[in-house]
Amino acid sequence: MGSRDPPTLASQIVLIGDSGVGKSNLLSRFTRNEFNLESKSTIGVEFATRSIQVDGKTIKAQIWDTAGQERYRAITSAYYRGAVGALLVYDIAKHLTYENVERWLKELRDHADSNIVIMLVGNKSDLRHLRAVPTDEARAFAEKNGLSFIETSALDSTNVEAAFQTILTEIYRIVSQKQMSDRRENDMSPSNNVVPIHVPPTTENKPKVQCCQNI
């Protein structure tokens, strides 16, 4: 008999941000190591999966690529609810996509779980000569809002692996800590097997004392 495989943990991650910032190519680069220059705008929602190892455990990432256009907003926001992580993507060469990050962040916090792990991703870092969003400015925004931050290029693969690996590792650590905390609480709570002990009241001895006094 072969050794049993360790349990696989599933993590749902959403990719959000304006249309055209490269969300679909980040997904295809991470899950299939592919890049498509002719990539068309996502209609609604698409997803792909990939498993990675963290601390000897297998984590199966289910990554949802959401449409950036306004008309799909009602559809895509429904996918925020089950997500444990989000990559909030903008294009470093288009300042408007960075300006809209604040609106996307608000939407995410309105619809997603309050404990969701969010990473700000400045994509298309290969377009250095067209840069419109300074790295320091984006990093300061991320720190102010409690987000992690990274710049990537789906085109040349820069930091794509690192971005997903970082967010999945952070999710795994948070989930592990929560499980340990829950286990400690359960250990401290009264067990269902505890048998209550009833101590009889001491007043039952009083009649005997009165009896002796009457003799």
N, C-alpha and C. Protein backbone atom coordinates (compact mmCIF):
# COMPACT_ATOMS: atom_id res chain seq x y z
N MET A 1 0.83 -1.20 0.00
CA MET A 1 0.00 0.00 0.00
C MET A 1 0.87 1.25 0.00
N GLY A 2 0.52 2.23 -0.85
CA GLY A 2 1.27 3.48 -0.92
C GLY A 2 0.87 4.42 0.21
N SER A 3 1.71 5.40 0.49
CA SER A 3 1.38 6.35 1.54
C SER A 3 0.24 7.25 1.09
N ARG A 4 -0.56 7.64 2.06
CA ARG A 4 -1.70 8.48 1.73
C ARG A 4 -1.26 9.89 1.40
N ASP A 5 -1.87 10.48 0.37
CA ASP A 5 -1.53 11.85 0.00
C ASP A 5 -2.06 12.81 1.06
N PRO A 6 -1.36 13.92 1.31
CA PRO A 6 -1.86 14.91 2.28
C PRO A 6 -3.13 15.56 1.74
N PRO A 7 -4.01 16.00 2.65
CA PRO A 7 -5.26 16.60 2.19
C PRO A 7 -5.02 17.85 1.36
N THR A 8 -5.87 18.06 0.38
CA THR A 8 -5.76 19.24 -0.48
C THR A 8 -6.69 20.33 0.05
N LEU A 9 -6.17 21.54 0.18
CA LEU A 9 -6.97 22.68 0.64
C LEU A 9 -7.37 23.50 -0.58
N ALA A 10 -8.64 23.84 -0.68
CA ALA A 10 -9.12 24.62 -1.83
C ALA A 10 -9.19 26.10 -1.45
N SER A 11 -8.73 26.95 -2.34
CA SER A 11 -8.78 28.39 -2.11
C SER A 11 -9.35 29.09 -3.34
N GLN A 12 -10.39 29.88 -3.12
CA GLN A 12 -10.98 30.62 -4.24
C GLN A 12 -10.42 32.04 -4.26
N ILE A 13 -9.86 32.42 -5.42
CA ILE A 13 -9.27 33.75 -5.58
C ILE A 13 -9.93 34.44 -6.76
N VAL A 14 -10.22 35.74 -6.61
CA VAL A 14 -10.78 36.49 -7.73
C VAL A 14 -9.76 37.50 -8.26
N LEU A 15 -9.78 37.69 -9.58
CA LEU A 15 -8.98 38.73 -10.23
C LEU A 15 -9.93 39.86 -10.58
N ILE A 16 -9.68 41.05 -10.06
CA ILE A 16 -10.57 42.17 -10.36
C ILE A 16 -9.75 43.39 -10.80
N GLY A 17 -10.44 44.31 -11.45
CA GLY A 17 -9.78 45.51 -11.95
C GLY A 17 -10.40 45.91 -13.28
N ASP A 18 -9.98 47.05 -13.79
CA ASP A 18 -10.54 47.56 -15.05
C ASP A 18 -10.31 46.59 -16.21
N SER A 19 -11.12 46.75 -17.23
CA SER A 19 -10.97 45.96 -18.45
C SER A 19 -9.64 46.32 -19.13
N GLY A 20 -8.92 45.31 -19.62
CA GLY A 20 -7.70 45.58 -20.37
C GLY A 20 -6.42 45.67 -19.56
N VAL A 21 -6.49 45.41 -18.23
CA VAL A 21 -5.28 45.53 -17.42
C VAL A 21 -4.44 44.25 -17.44
N GLY A 22 -5.00 43.18 -18.04
CA GLY A 22 -4.22 41.94 -18.19
C GLY A 22 -4.59 40.84 -17.22
N LYS A 23 -5.81 40.88 -16.66
CA LYS A 23 -6.22 39.85 -15.70
C LYS A 23 -6.23 38.46 -16.34
N SER A 24 -6.80 38.35 -17.54
CA SER A 24 -6.90 37.04 -18.20
C SER A 24 -5.52 36.46 -18.51
N ASN A 25 -4.58 37.33 -18.90
CA ASN A 25 -3.24 36.84 -19.20
C ASN A 25 -2.46 36.46 -17.93
N LEU A 26 -2.74 37.14 -16.82
CA LEU A 26 -2.14 36.73 -15.54
C LEU A 26 -2.63 35.32 -15.18
N LEU A 27 -3.93 35.10 -15.39
CA LEU A 27 -4.51 33.79 -15.10
C LEU A 27 -3.91 32.70 -15.99
N SER A 28 -3.85 32.97 -17.30
CA SER A 28 -3.35 31.95 -18.23
C SER A 28 -1.84 31.72 -18.04
N ARG A 29 -1.11 32.78 -17.67
CA ARG A 29 0.33 32.64 -17.43
C ARG A 29 0.57 31.76 -16.20
N PHE A 30 -0.20 31.97 -15.15
CA PHE A 30 -0.02 31.21 -13.91
C PHE A 30 -0.51 29.77 -14.05
N THR A 31 -1.66 29.56 -14.69
CA THR A 31 -2.24 28.21 -14.73
C THR A 31 -1.76 27.36 -15.90
N ARG A 32 -1.41 28.01 -17.04
CA ARG A 32 -1.02 27.23 -18.23
C ARG A 32 0.31 27.69 -18.84
N ASN A 33 0.92 28.71 -18.22
CA ASN A 33 2.15 29.32 -18.75
C ASN A 33 1.96 29.77 -20.20
N GLU A 34 0.83 30.42 -20.46
CA GLU A 34 0.51 30.93 -21.79
C GLU A 34 0.25 32.43 -21.74
N PHE A 35 0.51 33.09 -22.86
CA PHE A 35 0.20 34.52 -22.99
C PHE A 35 -0.36 34.75 -24.39
N ASN A 36 -1.46 35.50 -24.46
CA ASN A 36 -2.10 35.75 -25.74
C ASN A 36 -2.18 37.25 -26.01
N LEU A 37 -1.42 37.72 -26.98
CA LEU A 37 -1.42 39.16 -27.31
C LEU A 37 -2.77 39.61 -27.84
N GLU A 38 -3.53 38.67 -28.42
CA GLU A 38 -4.84 39.01 -29.00
C GLU A 38 -5.98 38.76 -28.00
N SER A 39 -5.63 38.67 -26.73
CA SER A 39 -6.63 38.37 -25.69
C SER A 39 -7.80 39.36 -25.75
N LYS A 40 -9.02 38.81 -25.78
CA LYS A 40 -10.22 39.64 -25.84
C LYS A 40 -10.77 39.87 -24.43
N SER A 41 -11.62 40.89 -24.29
CA SER A 41 -12.21 41.19 -22.98
C SER A 41 -13.03 40.00 -22.49
N THR A 42 -12.89 39.72 -21.20
CA THR A 42 -13.65 38.62 -20.60
C THR A 42 -15.12 38.98 -20.56
N ILE A 43 -15.96 38.00 -20.91
CA ILE A 43 -17.42 38.19 -20.83
C ILE A 43 -17.88 37.46 -19.58
N GLY A 44 -18.39 38.21 -18.61
CA GLY A 44 -18.85 37.59 -17.36
C GLY A 44 -17.68 37.12 -16.53
N VAL A 45 -17.59 35.79 -16.34
CA VAL A 45 -16.56 35.23 -15.46
C VAL A 45 -15.98 33.96 -16.07
N GLU A 46 -14.66 33.81 -15.98
CA GLU A 46 -14.00 32.57 -16.39
C GLU A 46 -13.13 32.11 -15.23
N PHE A 47 -12.82 30.81 -15.19
CA PHE A 47 -11.93 30.38 -14.11
C PHE A 47 -11.01 29.26 -14.56
N ALA A 48 -9.92 29.10 -13.82
CA ALA A 48 -8.97 28.02 -14.05
C ALA A 48 -8.41 27.62 -12.69
N THR A 49 -7.80 26.44 -12.63
CA THR A 49 -7.26 25.97 -11.35
C THR A 49 -5.80 25.57 -11.50
N ARG A 50 -5.09 25.64 -10.38
CA ARG A 50 -3.73 25.12 -10.32
C ARG A 50 -3.40 24.83 -8.86
N SER A 51 -2.69 23.74 -8.63
CA SER A 51 -2.31 23.37 -7.27
C SER A 51 -0.85 23.75 -7.01
N ILE A 52 -0.59 24.25 -5.80
CA ILE A 52 0.79 24.56 -5.40
C ILE A 52 1.04 23.96 -4.02
N GLN A 53 2.31 23.89 -3.65
CA GLN A 53 2.70 23.36 -2.34
C GLN A 53 3.05 24.51 -1.41
N VAL A 54 2.50 24.47 -0.20
CA VAL A 54 2.87 25.43 0.85
C VAL A 54 3.06 24.65 2.14
N ASP A 55 4.26 24.74 2.71
CA ASP A 55 4.59 24.03 3.95
C ASP A 55 4.24 22.54 3.86
N GLY A 56 4.49 21.93 2.71
CA GLY A 56 4.23 20.51 2.55
C GLY A 56 2.77 20.15 2.31
N LYS A 57 1.89 21.14 2.29
CA LYS A 57 0.47 20.91 2.02
C LYS A 57 0.15 21.33 0.58
N THR A 58 -0.80 20.63 -0.03
CA THR A 58 -1.23 20.97 -1.39
C THR A 58 -2.40 21.94 -1.31
N ILE A 59 -2.27 23.07 -1.98
CA ILE A 59 -3.37 24.04 -2.04
C ILE A 59 -3.84 24.12 -3.48
N LYS A 60 -5.12 23.83 -3.68
CA LYS A 60 -5.69 23.91 -5.02
C LYS A 60 -6.33 25.30 -5.16
N ALA A 61 -5.74 26.13 -5.99
CA ALA A 61 -6.26 27.48 -6.20
C ALA A 61 -7.29 27.46 -7.33
N GLN A 62 -8.48 27.93 -7.01
CA GLN A 62 -9.53 28.11 -8.03
C GLN A 62 -9.60 29.61 -8.29
N ILE A 63 -9.11 30.03 -9.46
CA ILE A 63 -8.95 31.46 -9.74
C ILE A 63 -10.01 31.93 -10.72
N TRP A 64 -10.79 32.90 -10.28
CA TRP A 64 -11.88 33.45 -11.09
C TRP A 64 -11.44 34.77 -11.72
N ASP A 65 -11.53 34.80 -13.04
CA ASP A 65 -11.17 36.00 -13.81
C ASP A 65 -12.47 36.73 -14.13
N THR A 66 -12.64 37.93 -13.55
CA THR A 66 -13.92 38.65 -13.71
C THR A 66 -13.80 39.74 -14.77
N ALA A 67 -14.91 40.01 -15.42
CA ALA A 67 -14.96 41.06 -16.45
C ALA A 67 -14.81 42.43 -15.80
N GLY A 68 -14.08 43.32 -16.48
CA GLY A 68 -13.87 44.66 -15.93
C GLY A 68 -14.93 45.66 -16.34
N GLN A 69 -15.73 45.32 -17.37
CA GLN A 69 -16.72 46.29 -17.85
C GLN A 69 -17.89 46.46 -16.88
N GLU A 70 -18.40 47.67 -16.85
CA GLU A 70 -19.49 48.04 -15.94
C GLU A 70 -20.71 47.13 -16.10
N ARG A 71 -21.02 46.75 -17.35
CA ARG A 71 -22.26 46.01 -17.57
C ARG A 71 -22.25 44.60 -16.96
N TYR A 72 -21.08 44.11 -16.60
CA TYR A 72 -21.01 42.79 -15.99
C TYR A 72 -20.87 42.85 -14.47
N ARG A 73 -20.91 44.06 -13.92
CA ARG A 73 -20.61 44.25 -12.50
C ARG A 73 -21.51 43.42 -11.58
N ALA A 74 -22.80 43.34 -11.90
CA ALA A 74 -23.74 42.58 -11.05
C ALA A 74 -23.39 41.09 -11.04
N ILE A 75 -22.93 40.60 -12.19
CA ILE A 75 -22.57 39.17 -12.28
C ILE A 75 -21.30 38.92 -11.48
N THR A 76 -20.30 39.74 -11.72
CA THR A 76 -18.98 39.48 -11.13
C THR A 76 -18.96 39.67 -9.61
N SER A 77 -19.73 40.62 -9.10
CA SER A 77 -19.70 40.87 -7.65
C SER A 77 -20.21 39.67 -6.86
N ALA A 78 -21.03 38.84 -7.49
CA ALA A 78 -21.55 37.64 -6.82
C ALA A 78 -20.42 36.66 -6.51
N TYR A 79 -19.33 36.73 -7.29
CA TYR A 79 -18.21 35.81 -7.08
C TYR A 79 -17.28 36.26 -5.96
N TYR A 80 -17.46 37.47 -5.48
CA TYR A 80 -16.60 37.96 -4.40
C TYR A 80 -16.90 37.24 -3.08
N ARG A 81 -18.15 36.82 -2.91
CA ARG A 81 -18.59 36.33 -1.59
C ARG A 81 -17.83 35.10 -1.12
N GLY A 82 -17.57 34.15 -2.03
CA GLY A 82 -16.89 32.93 -1.59
C GLY A 82 -15.38 33.01 -1.64
N ALA A 83 -14.86 34.17 -2.05
CA ALA A 83 -13.41 34.29 -2.25
C ALA A 83 -12.66 34.50 -0.94
N VAL A 84 -11.50 33.85 -0.82
CA VAL A 84 -10.64 34.05 0.35
C VAL A 84 -9.47 34.97 0.01
N GLY A 85 -9.30 35.22 -1.30
CA GLY A 85 -8.22 36.11 -1.74
C GLY A 85 -8.61 36.85 -3.00
N ALA A 86 -7.97 38.00 -3.23
CA ALA A 86 -8.26 38.79 -4.43
C ALA A 86 -6.99 39.47 -4.92
N LEU A 87 -6.77 39.43 -6.23
CA LEU A 87 -5.72 40.21 -6.85
C LEU A 87 -6.39 41.40 -7.52
N LEU A 88 -6.10 42.59 -7.02
CA LEU A 88 -6.68 43.83 -7.55
C LEU A 88 -5.66 44.42 -8.52
N VAL A 89 -5.98 44.31 -9.83
CA VAL A 89 -4.98 44.57 -10.88
C VAL A 89 -5.22 45.92 -11.57
N TYR A 90 -4.10 46.64 -11.81
CA TYR A 90 -4.15 47.85 -12.64
C TYR A 90 -3.00 47.77 -13.63
N ASP A 91 -3.02 48.66 -14.62
CA ASP A 91 -2.00 48.71 -15.67
C ASP A 91 -1.04 49.86 -15.33
N ILE A 92 0.25 49.56 -15.16
CA ILE A 92 1.19 50.62 -14.74
C ILE A 92 1.32 51.72 -15.80
N ALA A 93 0.90 51.45 -17.04
CA ALA A 93 1.02 52.43 -18.12
C ALA A 93 -0.26 53.24 -18.33
N LYS A 94 -1.31 52.93 -17.54
CA LYS A 94 -2.58 53.66 -17.68
C LYS A 94 -3.03 54.13 -16.30
N HIS A 95 -2.82 55.42 -16.02
CA HIS A 95 -3.07 55.94 -14.69
C HIS A 95 -4.53 55.81 -14.27
N LEU A 96 -5.45 55.88 -15.23
CA LEU A 96 -6.88 55.78 -14.90
C LEU A 96 -7.20 54.42 -14.26
N THR A 97 -6.55 53.37 -14.73
CA THR A 97 -6.82 52.05 -14.16
C THR A 97 -6.36 51.98 -12.70
N TYR A 98 -5.32 52.76 -12.37
CA TYR A 98 -4.85 52.85 -10.99
C TYR A 98 -5.80 53.71 -10.16
N GLU A 99 -6.28 54.80 -10.73
CA GLU A 99 -7.24 55.66 -10.02
C GLU A 99 -8.50 54.87 -9.65
N ASN A 100 -8.91 53.95 -10.51
CA ASN A 100 -10.13 53.18 -10.27
C ASN A 100 -9.95 52.06 -9.23
N VAL A 101 -8.71 51.84 -8.80
CA VAL A 101 -8.45 50.81 -7.80
C VAL A 101 -9.26 51.07 -6.53
N GLU A 102 -9.37 52.34 -6.16
CA GLU A 102 -10.11 52.69 -4.94
C GLU A 102 -11.57 52.24 -5.02
N ARG A 103 -12.17 52.43 -6.20
CA ARG A 103 -13.57 52.01 -6.40
C ARG A 103 -13.70 50.49 -6.35
N TRP A 104 -12.74 49.80 -6.97
CA TRP A 104 -12.76 48.34 -6.94
C TRP A 104 -12.58 47.83 -5.51
N LEU A 105 -11.71 48.48 -4.77
CA LEU A 105 -11.45 48.07 -3.38
C LEU A 105 -12.71 48.22 -2.53
N LYS A 106 -13.43 49.33 -2.73
CA LYS A 106 -14.67 49.56 -1.99
C LYS A 106 -15.70 48.47 -2.34
N GLU A 107 -15.80 48.15 -3.60
CA GLU A 107 -16.75 47.13 -4.05
C GLU A 107 -16.41 45.77 -3.44
N LEU A 108 -15.13 45.48 -3.41
CA LEU A 108 -14.67 44.22 -2.84
C LEU A 108 -15.02 44.15 -1.35
N ARG A 109 -14.78 45.24 -0.65
CA ARG A 109 -15.04 45.24 0.80
C ARG A 109 -16.54 45.27 1.10
N ASP A 110 -17.34 45.77 0.16
CA ASP A 110 -18.80 45.76 0.33
C ASP A 110 -19.38 44.36 0.16
N HIS A 111 -18.79 43.56 -0.74
CA HIS A 111 -19.38 42.27 -1.11
C HIS A 111 -18.64 41.05 -0.59
N ALA A 112 -17.34 41.18 -0.34
CA ALA A 112 -16.54 40.00 0.05
C ALA A 112 -16.50 39.82 1.56
N ASP A 113 -15.98 38.69 1.98
CA ASP A 113 -15.78 38.41 3.40
C ASP A 113 -14.78 39.42 3.97
N SER A 114 -15.01 39.83 5.21
CA SER A 114 -14.16 40.88 5.80
C SER A 114 -12.71 40.41 5.99
N ASN A 115 -12.47 39.09 6.02
CA ASN A 115 -11.11 38.57 6.22
C ASN A 115 -10.38 38.26 4.91
N ILE A 116 -10.96 38.65 3.78
CA ILE A 116 -10.35 38.34 2.49
C ILE A 116 -8.95 38.95 2.40
N VAL A 117 -8.00 38.20 1.82
CA VAL A 117 -6.62 38.66 1.64
C VAL A 117 -6.54 39.35 0.28
N ILE A 118 -6.11 40.61 0.27
CA ILE A 118 -6.10 41.39 -0.98
C ILE A 118 -4.67 41.81 -1.34
N MET A 119 -4.31 41.58 -2.61
CA MET A 119 -3.00 42.01 -3.10
C MET A 119 -3.20 43.00 -4.25
N LEU A 120 -2.54 44.14 -4.17
CA LEU A 120 -2.56 45.12 -5.26
C LEU A 120 -1.48 44.73 -6.26
N VAL A 121 -1.88 44.60 -7.54
CA VAL A 121 -0.94 44.14 -8.57
C VAL A 121 -0.84 45.18 -9.69
N GLY A 122 0.36 45.72 -9.86
CA GLY A 122 0.63 46.61 -10.99
C GLY A 122 1.14 45.78 -12.15
N ASN A 123 0.29 45.49 -13.11
CA ASN A 123 0.66 44.61 -14.22
C ASN A 123 1.29 45.41 -15.38
N LYS A 124 1.89 44.67 -16.30
CA LYS A 124 2.57 45.22 -17.50
C LYS A 124 3.83 45.99 -17.13
N SER A 125 4.57 45.45 -16.17
CA SER A 125 5.82 46.11 -15.75
C SER A 125 6.87 46.13 -16.87
N ASP A 126 6.64 45.34 -17.93
CA ASP A 126 7.55 45.37 -19.08
C ASP A 126 7.46 46.69 -19.85
N LEU A 127 6.36 47.44 -19.65
CA LEU A 127 6.18 48.74 -20.34
C LEU A 127 6.84 49.87 -19.55
N ARG A 128 8.12 49.69 -19.22
CA ARG A 128 8.82 50.68 -18.37
C ARG A 128 8.84 52.07 -19.00
N HIS A 129 9.00 52.10 -20.32
CA HIS A 129 9.09 53.39 -21.02
C HIS A 129 7.76 54.14 -21.07
N LEU A 130 6.65 53.43 -20.75
CA LEU A 130 5.32 54.05 -20.77
C LEU A 130 4.74 54.21 -19.35
N ARG A 131 5.56 53.94 -18.35
CA ARG A 131 5.06 53.95 -16.97
C ARG A 131 4.35 55.26 -16.63
N ALA A 132 3.12 55.12 -16.07
CA ALA A 132 2.34 56.29 -15.66
C ALA A 132 2.06 56.27 -14.15
N VAL A 133 2.30 55.12 -13.51
CA VAL A 133 2.04 54.97 -12.07
C VAL A 133 3.36 54.64 -11.36
N PRO A 134 3.91 55.59 -10.58
CA PRO A 134 5.16 55.32 -9.86
C PRO A 134 4.99 54.17 -8.87
N THR A 135 5.98 53.30 -8.81
CA THR A 135 5.94 52.15 -7.90
C THR A 135 5.73 52.58 -6.45
N ASP A 136 6.45 53.62 -6.02
CA ASP A 136 6.36 54.08 -4.62
C ASP A 136 4.96 54.56 -4.27
N GLU A 137 4.31 55.22 -5.23
CA GLU A 137 2.95 55.72 -4.99
C GLU A 137 1.99 54.56 -4.76
N ALA A 138 2.08 53.54 -5.61
CA ALA A 138 1.19 52.38 -5.48
C ALA A 138 1.49 51.61 -4.20
N ARG A 139 2.78 51.49 -3.85
CA ARG A 139 3.15 50.77 -2.63
C ARG A 139 2.61 51.50 -1.40
N ALA A 140 2.69 52.83 -1.40
CA ALA A 140 2.18 53.62 -0.27
C ALA A 140 0.67 53.45 -0.15
N PHE A 141 -0.03 53.42 -1.28
CA PHE A 141 -1.49 53.21 -1.27
C PHE A 141 -1.82 51.84 -0.68
N ALA A 142 -1.05 50.84 -1.08
CA ALA A 142 -1.28 49.47 -0.58
C ALA A 142 -1.07 49.40 0.93
N GLU A 143 0.02 50.01 1.40
CA GLU A 143 0.32 49.99 2.85
C GLU A 143 -0.77 50.70 3.64
N LYS A 144 -1.24 51.82 3.12
CA LYS A 144 -2.28 52.60 3.80
C LYS A 144 -3.58 51.80 3.93
N ASN A 145 -3.85 50.94 2.94
CA ASN A 145 -5.10 50.18 2.93
C ASN A 145 -4.95 48.72 3.37
N GLY A 146 -3.78 48.39 3.91
CA GLY A 146 -3.57 47.05 4.43
C GLY A 146 -3.50 45.96 3.37
N LEU A 147 -2.98 46.31 2.18
CA LEU A 147 -2.85 45.35 1.09
C LEU A 147 -1.39 44.98 0.89
N SER A 148 -1.14 43.78 0.38
CA SER A 148 0.22 43.49 -0.07
C SER A 148 0.34 44.05 -1.50
N PHE A 149 1.56 44.16 -1.99
CA PHE A 149 1.76 44.82 -3.28
C PHE A 149 2.87 44.16 -4.08
N ILE A 150 2.66 44.08 -5.40
CA ILE A 150 3.68 43.53 -6.29
C ILE A 150 3.45 44.07 -7.69
N GLU A 151 4.53 44.18 -8.47
CA GLU A 151 4.39 44.52 -9.89
C GLU A 151 4.72 43.29 -10.71
N THR A 152 3.94 43.05 -11.75
CA THR A 152 4.09 41.83 -12.55
C THR A 152 4.11 42.17 -14.04
N SER A 153 4.51 41.16 -14.82
CA SER A 153 4.34 41.23 -16.27
C SER A 153 3.89 39.85 -16.74
N ALA A 154 2.64 39.78 -17.19
CA ALA A 154 2.15 38.51 -17.74
C ALA A 154 2.88 38.21 -19.04
N LEU A 155 3.34 39.25 -19.74
CA LEU A 155 4.03 39.08 -21.01
C LEU A 155 5.35 38.32 -20.85
N ASP A 156 6.20 38.80 -19.92
CA ASP A 156 7.51 38.14 -19.77
C ASP A 156 7.61 37.30 -18.48
N SER A 157 6.47 37.07 -17.84
CA SER A 157 6.37 36.20 -16.65
C SER A 157 6.90 36.80 -15.35
N THR A 158 7.39 38.02 -15.37
CA THR A 158 7.97 38.62 -14.16
C THR A 158 6.96 38.63 -13.00
N ASN A 159 7.34 37.99 -11.88
CA ASN A 159 6.60 38.02 -10.61
C ASN A 159 5.19 37.41 -10.66
N VAL A 160 4.79 36.79 -11.77
CA VAL A 160 3.44 36.20 -11.82
C VAL A 160 3.36 35.04 -10.83
N GLU A 161 4.34 34.17 -10.88
CA GLU A 161 4.40 33.03 -9.95
C GLU A 161 4.46 33.55 -8.51
N ALA A 162 5.30 34.55 -8.29
CA ALA A 162 5.49 35.10 -6.94
C ALA A 162 4.20 35.70 -6.39
N ALA A 163 3.43 36.38 -7.24
CA ALA A 163 2.19 37.01 -6.80
C ALA A 163 1.21 35.97 -6.26
N PHE A 164 0.97 34.93 -7.05
CA PHE A 164 0.02 33.89 -6.62
C PHE A 164 0.56 33.08 -5.45
N GLN A 165 1.85 32.79 -5.48
CA GLN A 165 2.47 32.02 -4.39
C GLN A 165 2.36 32.80 -3.07
N THR A 166 2.60 34.11 -3.13
CA THR A 166 2.54 34.94 -1.92
C THR A 166 1.14 34.99 -1.33
N ILE A 167 0.13 35.23 -2.18
CA ILE A 167 -1.23 35.36 -1.66
C ILE A 167 -1.76 34.02 -1.16
N LEU A 168 -1.42 32.93 -1.85
CA LEU A 168 -1.87 31.61 -1.41
C LEU A 168 -1.20 31.19 -0.10
N THR A 169 0.08 31.55 0.05
CA THR A 169 0.79 31.25 1.30
C THR A 169 0.17 32.03 2.46
N GLU A 170 -0.15 33.30 2.22
CA GLU A 170 -0.76 34.13 3.26
C GLU A 170 -2.13 33.57 3.66
N ILE A 171 -2.91 33.16 2.66
CA ILE A 171 -4.24 32.57 2.93
C ILE A 171 -4.08 31.29 3.77
N TYR A 172 -3.12 30.45 3.37
CA TYR A 172 -2.90 29.19 4.08
C TYR A 172 -2.53 29.44 5.54
N ARG A 173 -1.63 30.42 5.77
CA ARG A 173 -1.20 30.71 7.15
C ARG A 173 -2.38 31.21 8.00
N ILE A 174 -3.21 32.08 7.42
CA ILE A 174 -4.37 32.61 8.14
C ILE A 174 -5.35 31.48 8.49
N VAL A 175 -5.63 30.62 7.50
CA VAL A 175 -6.54 29.50 7.72
C VAL A 175 -5.99 28.56 8.79
N SER A 176 -4.68 28.28 8.74
CA SER A 176 -4.05 27.38 9.71
C SER A 176 -4.14 27.96 11.12
N GLN A 177 -3.86 29.26 11.26
CA GLN A 177 -3.94 29.91 12.57
C GLN A 177 -5.35 29.87 13.13
N LYS A 178 -6.34 30.06 12.24
CA LYS A 178 -7.74 30.03 12.66
C LYS A 178 -8.12 28.64 13.14
N GLN A 179 -7.66 27.61 12.42
CA GLN A 179 -7.97 26.24 12.80
C GLN A 179 -7.35 25.90 14.16
N MET A 180 -6.10 26.37 14.37
CA MET A 180 -5.43 26.12 15.65
C MET A 180 -6.16 26.84 16.79
N SER A 181 -6.60 28.06 16.51
CA SER A 181 -7.33 28.84 17.50
C SER A 181 -8.66 28.17 17.86
N ASP A 182 -9.37 27.70 16.82
CA ASP A 182 -10.65 27.01 17.05
C ASP A 182 -10.45 25.75 17.86
N ARG A 183 -9.33 25.03 17.56
CA ARG A 183 -9.05 23.79 18.28
C ARG A 183 -8.79 24.07 19.75
N ARG A 184 -8.03 25.16 20.03
CA ARG A 184 -7.75 25.52 21.42
C ARG A 184 -9.03 25.85 22.17
N GLU A 185 -9.92 26.59 21.49
CA GLU A 185 -11.19 26.95 22.12
C GLU A 185 -12.02 25.71 22.43
N ASN A 186 -12.02 24.75 21.50
CA ASN A 186 -12.78 23.52 21.71
C ASN A 186 -12.19 22.70 22.85
N ASP A 187 -10.85 22.71 22.97
CA ASP A 187 -10.20 21.97 24.06
C ASP A 187 -10.57 22.55 25.41
N MET A 188 -10.75 23.86 25.46
CA MET A 188 -11.04 24.53 26.73
C MET A 188 -12.52 24.49 27.08
N SER A 189 -13.38 24.25 26.09
CA SER A 189 -14.81 24.25 26.36
C SER A 189 -15.22 22.94 27.02
N PRO A 190 -16.31 22.94 27.84
CA PRO A 190 -16.73 21.71 28.51
C PRO A 190 -17.06 20.62 27.49
N SER A 191 -16.58 19.42 27.76
CA SER A 191 -16.84 18.31 26.84
C SER A 191 -18.25 17.78 27.06
N ASN A 192 -18.81 17.19 26.00
CA ASN A 192 -20.14 16.59 26.11
C ASN A 192 -20.13 15.36 27.02
N ASN A 193 -18.92 14.81 27.27
CA ASN A 193 -18.82 13.59 28.07
C ASN A 193 -18.72 13.87 29.57
N VAL A 194 -18.67 15.12 29.98
CA VAL A 194 -18.53 15.46 31.40
C VAL A 194 -19.81 15.10 32.14
N VAL A 195 -19.66 14.35 33.24
CA VAL A 195 -20.83 13.98 34.06
C VAL A 195 -20.92 14.96 35.22
N PRO A 196 -22.05 15.66 35.37
CA PRO A 196 -22.17 16.63 36.46
C PRO A 196 -22.17 15.94 37.82
N ILE A 197 -21.48 16.52 38.79
CA ILE A 197 -21.43 15.97 40.15
C ILE A 197 -22.29 16.85 41.05
N HIS A 198 -23.26 16.23 41.72
CA HIS A 198 -24.14 16.99 42.61
C HIS A 198 -23.69 16.79 44.05
N VAL A 199 -23.34 17.87 44.70
CA VAL A 199 -22.93 17.80 46.11
C VAL A 199 -24.18 18.07 46.95
N PRO A 200 -24.55 17.14 47.82
CA PRO A 200 -25.77 17.37 48.63
C PRO A 200 -25.56 18.54 49.58
N PRO A 201 -26.60 19.33 49.82
CA PRO A 201 -26.45 20.49 50.72
C PRO A 201 -26.16 20.05 52.14
N THR A 202 -25.35 20.81 52.85
CA THR A 202 -24.95 20.46 54.22
C THR A 202 -26.10 20.57 55.20
N THR A 203 -27.19 21.22 54.81
CA THR A 203 -28.33 21.42 55.73
C THR A 203 -28.98 20.10 56.11
N GLU A 204 -28.69 19.00 55.39
CA GLU A 204 -29.30 17.71 55.70
C GLU A 204 -28.85 17.20 57.07
N ASN A 205 -27.73 17.67 57.58
CA ASN A 205 -27.23 17.22 58.89
C ASN A 205 -27.86 17.94 60.06
N LYS A 206 -28.56 19.04 59.80
CA LYS A 206 -29.08 19.87 60.89
C LYS A 206 -30.10 19.16 61.77
N PRO A 207 -31.03 18.38 61.23
CA PRO A 207 -32.01 17.72 62.11
C PRO A 207 -31.35 16.84 63.16
N LYS A 208 -30.23 16.17 62.84
CA LYS A 208 -29.54 15.29 63.78
C LYS A 208 -29.05 16.10 64.96
N VAL A 209 -28.50 17.28 64.71
CA VAL A 209 -27.98 18.14 65.79
C VAL A 209 -29.12 18.54 66.72
N GLN A 210 -30.26 18.91 66.12
CA GLN A 210 -31.42 19.33 66.93
C GLN A 210 -31.91 18.18 67.77
N CYS A 211 -31.85 16.96 67.23
CA CYS A 211 -32.30 15.76 67.95
C CYS A 211 -31.48 15.58 69.22
N CYS A 212 -30.17 15.71 69.09
CA CYS A 212 -29.28 15.51 70.24
C CYS A 212 -29.52 16.56 71.30
N GLN A 213 -29.82 17.78 70.91
CA GLN A 213 -30.05 18.85 71.87
C GLN A 213 -31.32 18.62 72.70
N ASN A 214 -32.26 17.87 72.11
CA ASN A 214 -33.54 17.66 72.81
C ASN A 214 -33.43 16.57 73.87
N ILE A 215 -32.35 15.75 73.86
CA ILE A 215 -32.27 14.63 74.81
C ILE A 215 -31.98 15.18 76.21
